[in-house]
PDB file of N, CA and C in Angstrom:
ATOM      1  N   MET A   1       0.724  -1.226  -0.109  1.00  0.00           N
ATOM      2  CA  MET A   1       0.359   0.221  -0.051  1.00  0.00           C
ATOM      3  C   MET A   1       0.901   1.461  -0.039  1.00  0.00           C
ATOM      4  N   VAL A   2       0.579   1.943  -0.917  1.00  0.00           N
ATOM      5  CA  VAL A   2       1.044   3.384  -1.025  1.00  0.00           C
ATOM      6  C   VAL A   2       0.395   4.537  -0.589  1.00  0.00           C
ATOM      7  N   GLY A   3       0.721   5.551  -0.147  1.00  0.00           N
ATOM      8  CA  GLY A   3       0.160   6.726   0.316  1.00  0.00           C
ATOM      9  C   GLY A   3       0.746   7.763   0.136  1.00  0.00           C
ATOM     10  N   HIS A   4       0.328   8.892  -0.277  1.00  0.00           N
ATOM     11  CA  HIS A   4       0.777  10.389  -0.199  1.00  0.00           C
ATOM     12  C   HIS A   4       0.405  11.204  -0.001  1.00  0.00           C
ATOM     13  N   ARG A   5       0.592  11.991   1.444  1.00  0.00           N
ATOM     14  CA  ARG A   5       0.033  12.925   2.283  1.00  0.00           C
ATOM     15  C   ARG A   5       1.361  13.780   2.997  1.00  0.00           C
ATOM     16  N   ALA A   6       0.943  15.054   2.260  1.00  0.00           N
ATOM     17  CA  ALA A   6       1.449  16.579   3.020  1.00  0.00           C
ATOM     18  C   ALA A   6       3.323  16.157   2.646  1.00  0.00           C
ATOM     19  N   GLY A   7       3.416  15.745   1.291  1.00  0.00           N
ATOM     20  CA  GLY A   7       4.850  15.309   1.001  1.00  0.00           C
ATOM     21  C   GLY A   7       5.333  14.347   0.906  1.00  0.00           C
ATOM     22  N   LEU A   8       4.833  13.438   2.278  1.00  0.00           N
ATOM     23  CA  LEU A   8       6.094  12.491   2.617  1.00  0.00           C
ATOM     24  C   LEU A   8       5.076  11.094   2.052  1.00  0.00           C
ATOM     25  N   LEU A   9       5.918  10.130   1.829  1.00  0.00           N
ATOM     26  CA  LEU A   9       5.338   8.912   0.926  1.00  0.00           C
ATOM     27  C   LEU A   9       5.423   7.726   2.389  1.00  0.00           C
ATOM     28  N   GLU A  10       4.182   7.109   2.516  1.00  0.00           N
ATOM     29  CA  GLU A  10       3.921   6.054   3.293  1.00  0.00           C
ATOM     30  C   GLU A  10       4.242   4.782   2.846  1.00  0.00           C
ATOM     31  N   VAL A  11       4.856   3.956   3.019  1.00  0.00           N
ATOM     32  CA  VAL A  11       5.047   2.776   2.098  1.00  0.00           C
ATOM     33  C   VAL A  11       4.916   1.607   3.455  1.00  0.00           C
ATOM     34  N   SER A  12       4.145   0.081   3.051  1.00  0.00           N
ATOM     35  CA  SER A  12       4.165  -1.018   3.689  1.00  0.00           C
ATOM     36  C   SER A  12       3.877  -1.953   2.823  1.00  0.00           C
ATOM     37  N   ILE A  13       4.158  -3.011   3.765  1.00  0.00           N
ATOM     38  CA  ILE A  13       4.036  -4.571   2.909  1.00  0.00           C
ATOM     39  C   ILE A  13       3.451  -5.378   3.598  1.00  0.00           C
ATOM     40  N   ARG A  14       2.347  -5.980   3.180  1.00  0.00           N
ATOM     41  CA  ARG A  14       1.922  -7.415   4.116  1.00  0.00           C
ATOM     42  C   ARG A  14       2.875  -8.499   3.727  1.00  0.00           C
ATOM     43  N   VAL A  15       2.951  -9.150   4.318  1.00  0.00           N
ATOM     44  CA  VAL A  15       3.500 -10.672   4.165  1.00  0.00           C
ATOM     45  C   VAL A  15       3.094 -11.959   4.511  1.00  0.00           C
ATOM     46  N   LYS A  16       2.099 -12.703   4.278  1.00  0.00           N
ATOM     47  CA  LYS A  16       1.472 -13.934   4.919  1.00  0.00           C
ATOM     48  C   LYS A  16       2.446 -14.932   5.598  1.00  0.00           C
ATOM     49  N   PRO A  17       2.027 -15.705   6.322  1.00  0.00           N
ATOM     50  CA  PRO A  17       2.964 -16.756   6.789  1.00  0.00           C
ATOM     51  C   PRO A  17       2.412 -17.768   5.534  1.00  0.00           C
ATOM     52  N   ASN A  18       3.552 -18.606   5.005  1.00  0.00           N
ATOM     53  CA  ASN A  18       2.891 -19.544   4.498  1.00  0.00           C
ATOM     54  C   ASN A  18       2.360 -21.166   5.064  1.00  0.00           C
ATOM     55  N   ASP A  19       1.727 -21.471   5.064  1.00  0.00           N
ATOM     56  CA  ASP A  19       1.075 -23.149   5.468  1.00  0.00           C
ATOM     57  C   ASP A  19       2.394 -23.850   6.164  1.00  0.00           C
ATOM     58  N   ASP A  20       3.559 -23.833   5.688  1.00  0.00           N
ATOM     59  CA  ASP A  20       4.566 -24.925   6.178  1.00  0.00           C
ATOM     60  C   ASP A  20       5.626 -23.957   6.821  1.00  0.00           C
ATOM     61  N   GLU A  21       5.465 -22.605   6.895  1.00  0.00           N
ATOM     62  CA  GLU A  21       6.554 -22.261   7.179  1.00  0.00           C
ATOM     63  C   GLU A  21       6.592 -22.118   8.799  1.00  0.00           C
ATOM     64  N   ASP A  22       7.867 -22.317   9.740  1.00  0.00           N
ATOM     65  CA  ASP A  22       8.010 -21.999  10.968  1.00  0.00           C
ATOM     66  C   ASP A  22       8.355 -20.613  11.471  1.00  0.00           C
ATOM     67  N   LEU A  23       7.964 -20.278  12.764  1.00  0.00           N
ATOM     68  CA  LEU A  23       8.154 -18.758  12.867  1.00  0.00           C
ATOM     69  C   LEU A  23       9.207 -18.220  12.132  1.00  0.00           C
ATOM     70  N   GLU A  24      10.775 -19.186  12.377  1.00  0.00           N
ATOM     71  CA  GLU A  24      12.278 -18.345  12.262  1.00  0.00           C
ATOM     72  C   GLU A  24      12.263 -18.440  11.040  1.00  0.00           C
ATOM     73  N   THR A  25      11.351 -19.569   9.957  1.00  0.00           N
ATOM     74  CA  THR A  25      11.694 -19.088   8.520  1.00  0.00           C
ATOM     75  C   THR A  25      10.746 -17.861   7.913  1.00  0.00           C
ATOM     76  N   PHE A  26       9.638 -17.745   8.943  1.00  0.00           N
ATOM     77  CA  PHE A  26       8.740 -16.449   8.503  1.00  0.00           C
ATOM     78  C   PHE A  26       9.498 -15.171   8.452  1.00  0.00           C
ATOM     79  N   THR A  27       9.619 -14.993   9.440  1.00  0.00           N
ATOM     80  CA  THR A  27      10.607 -14.058  10.253  1.00  0.00           C
ATOM     81  C   THR A  27      11.669 -13.825   8.993  1.00  0.00           C
ATOM     82  N   ALA A  28      12.471 -14.583   8.613  1.00  0.00           N
ATOM     83  CA  ALA A  28      13.571 -14.213   7.549  1.00  0.00           C
ATOM     84  C   ALA A  28      13.081 -14.004   6.888  1.00  0.00           C
ATOM     85  N   ARG A  29      12.029 -14.225   6.223  1.00  0.00           N
ATOM     86  CA  ARG A  29      11.296 -13.913   4.435  1.00  0.00           C
ATOM     87  C   ARG A  29      10.798 -12.451   4.797  1.00  0.00           C
ATOM     88  N   VAL A  30      10.132 -12.349   5.985  1.00  0.00           N
ATOM     89  CA  VAL A  30       9.626 -10.861   6.204  1.00  0.00           C
ATOM     90  C   VAL A  30      10.599  -9.899   6.204  1.00  0.00           C
ATOM     91  N   GLU A  31      12.013 -10.125   6.954  1.00  0.00           N
ATOM     92  CA  GLU A  31      12.830  -9.143   6.908  1.00  0.00           C
ATOM     93  C   GLU A  31      13.370  -8.866   5.441  1.00  0.00           C
ATOM     94  N   ARG A  32      13.645 -10.224   4.717  1.00  0.00           N
ATOM     95  CA  ARG A  32      14.182 -10.428   2.978  1.00  0.00           C
ATOM     96  C   ARG A  32      12.904  -9.260   2.868  1.00  0.00           C
ATOM     97  N   GLU A  33      11.850  -9.318   2.691  1.00  0.00           N
ATOM     98  CA  GLU A  33      10.821  -8.175   2.009  1.00  0.00           C
ATOM     99  C   GLU A  33      10.941  -7.084   2.583  1.00  0.00           C
ATOM    100  N   GLN A  34      11.395  -6.800   3.810  1.00  0.00           N
ATOM    101  CA  GLN A  34      11.496  -5.633   4.469  1.00  0.00           C
ATOM    102  C   GLN A  34      12.463  -4.739   3.943  1.00  0.00           C
ATOM    103  N   ARG A  35      14.092  -5.672   3.459  1.00  0.00           N
ATOM    104  CA  ARG A  35      14.822  -4.724   3.043  1.00  0.00           C
ATOM    105  C   ARG A  35      15.035  -4.524   1.594  1.00  0.00           C
ATOM    106  N   LYS A  36      13.735  -5.263   0.967  1.00  0.00           N
ATOM    107  CA  LYS A  36      13.816  -4.949  -0.528  1.00  0.00           C
ATOM    108  C   LYS A  36      12.967  -3.991  -0.605  1.00  0.00           C
ATOM    109  N   LEU A  37      11.732  -3.928   0.062  1.00  0.00           N
ATOM    110  CA  LEU A  37      10.868  -2.492  -0.207  1.00  0.00           C
ATOM    111  C   LEU A  37      12.108  -1.109   0.454  1.00  0.00           C
ATOM    112  N   GLU A  38      12.713  -1.289   1.324  1.00  0.00           N
ATOM    113  CA  GLU A  38      13.850  -0.304   1.832  1.00  0.00           C
ATOM    114  C   GLU A  38      14.556  -0.127   0.838  1.00  0.00           C
ATOM    115  N   ASP A  39      15.057  -0.695   0.230  1.00  0.00           N
ATOM    116  CA  ASP A  39      15.691  -0.598  -0.686  1.00  0.00           C
ATOM    117  C   ASP A  39      15.560   0.077  -2.346  1.00  0.00           C
ATOM    118  N   ALA A  40      14.070  -0.520  -2.611  1.00  0.00           N
ATOM    119  CA  ALA A  40      13.178   0.061  -3.688  1.00  0.00           C
ATOM    120  C   ALA A  40      13.125   1.576  -3.277  1.00  0.00           C
ATOM    121  N   VAL A  41      12.310   1.717  -2.218  1.00  0.00           N
ATOM    122  CA  VAL A  41      12.412   2.928  -1.942  1.00  0.00           C
ATOM    123  C   VAL A  41      13.389   3.945  -1.848  1.00  0.00           C
ATOM    124  N   ARG A  42      14.827   3.497  -1.429  1.00  0.00           N
ATOM    125  CA  ARG A  42      15.844   4.572  -1.302  1.00  0.00           C
ATOM    126  C   ARG A  42      16.918   4.824  -3.133  1.00  0.00           C
ATOM    127  N   GLU A  43      16.220   3.763  -3.619  1.00  0.00           N
ATOM    128  CA  GLU A  43      16.609   3.869  -5.284  1.00  0.00           C
ATOM    129  C   GLU A  43      15.374   4.815  -5.900  1.00  0.00           C
ATOM    130  N   ARG A  44      14.603   4.772  -5.912  1.00  0.00           N
ATOM    131  CA  ARG A  44      13.400   5.669  -5.909  1.00  0.00           C
ATOM    132  C   ARG A  44      13.677   7.165  -5.522  1.00  0.00           C
ATOM    133  N   ALA A  45      14.421   7.258  -4.346  1.00  0.00           N
ATOM    134  CA  ALA A  45      14.433   8.652  -4.096  1.00  0.00           C
ATOM    135  C   ALA A  45      15.710   9.406  -4.988  1.00  0.00           C
ATOM    136  N   LEU A  46      16.460   8.293  -4.630  1.00  0.00           N
ATOM    137  CA  LEU A  46      18.004   9.086  -5.318  1.00  0.00           C
ATOM    138  C   LEU A  46      17.348   9.115  -6.698  1.00  0.00           C
ATOM    139  N   THR A  47      16.671   8.300  -7.536  1.00  0.00           N
ATOM    140  CA  THR A  47      16.498   8.775  -9.130  1.00  0.00           C
ATOM    141  C   THR A  47      15.822  10.052  -9.064  1.00  0.00           C
ATOM    142  N   ALA A  48      14.728  10.224  -8.269  1.00  0.00           N
ATOM    143  CA  ALA A  48      13.998  11.546  -7.949  1.00  0.00           C
ATOM    144  C   ALA A  48      15.170  12.955  -7.583  1.00  0.00           C
ATOM    145  N   LEU A  49      15.679  12.566  -6.623  1.00  0.00           N
ATOM    146  CA  LEU A  49      16.369  13.391  -6.372  1.00  0.00           C
ATOM    147  C   LEU A  49      17.852  13.754  -7.634  1.00  0.00           C
ATOM    148  N   ALA A  50      17.914  12.987  -8.413  1.00  0.00           N
ATOM    149  CA  ALA A  50      18.807  12.929  -9.541  1.00  0.00           C
ATOM    150  C   ALA A  50      18.018  13.671 -10.907  1.00  0.00           C
ATOM    151  N   ALA A  51      16.987  13.292 -10.687  1.00  0.00           N
ATOM    152  CA  ALA A  51      16.128  14.003 -11.702  1.00  0.00           C
ATOM    153  C   ALA A  51      15.923  16.052 -11.438  1.00  0.00           C
ATOM    154  N   ALA A  52      15.734  15.643 -10.233  1.00  0.00           N
ATOM    155  CA  ALA A  52      15.304  17.439 -10.052  1.00  0.00           C
ATOM    156  C   ALA A  52      16.598  18.118  -9.734  1.00  0.00           C
ATOM    157  N   GLU A  53      17.980  17.440  -9.857  1.00  0.00           N
ATOM    158  CA  GLU A  53      18.991  18.162 -10.340  1.00  0.00           C
ATOM    159  C   GLU A  53      19.176  18.430 -11.865  1.00  0.00           C
ATOM    160  N   GLN A  54      18.666  17.992 -12.373  1.00  0.00           N
ATOM    161  CA  GLN A  54      18.698  17.840 -14.325  1.00  0.00           C
ATOM    162  C   GLN A  54      18.119  19.471 -14.346  1.00  0.00           C
ATOM    163  N   PRO A  55      18.805  20.304 -15.760  1.00  0.00           N
ATOM    164  CA  PRO A  55      18.468  21.903 -15.627  1.00  0.00           C
ATOM    165  C   PRO A  55      17.283  21.208 -16.879  1.00  0.00           C
TER     166      PRO A  55
END
């Protein structure tokens, strides 16, 4: 879910456990998905900054 309010970007993910997943495996998968989201947001922000600096 992505929302835009007052110049701020709010980003979240939902990760549901698989039927055969134990807590440790699920937690590791959630952490990977969170890192992927953070990387995507960081890359998008850098792309936007670079575009803003273009004459």
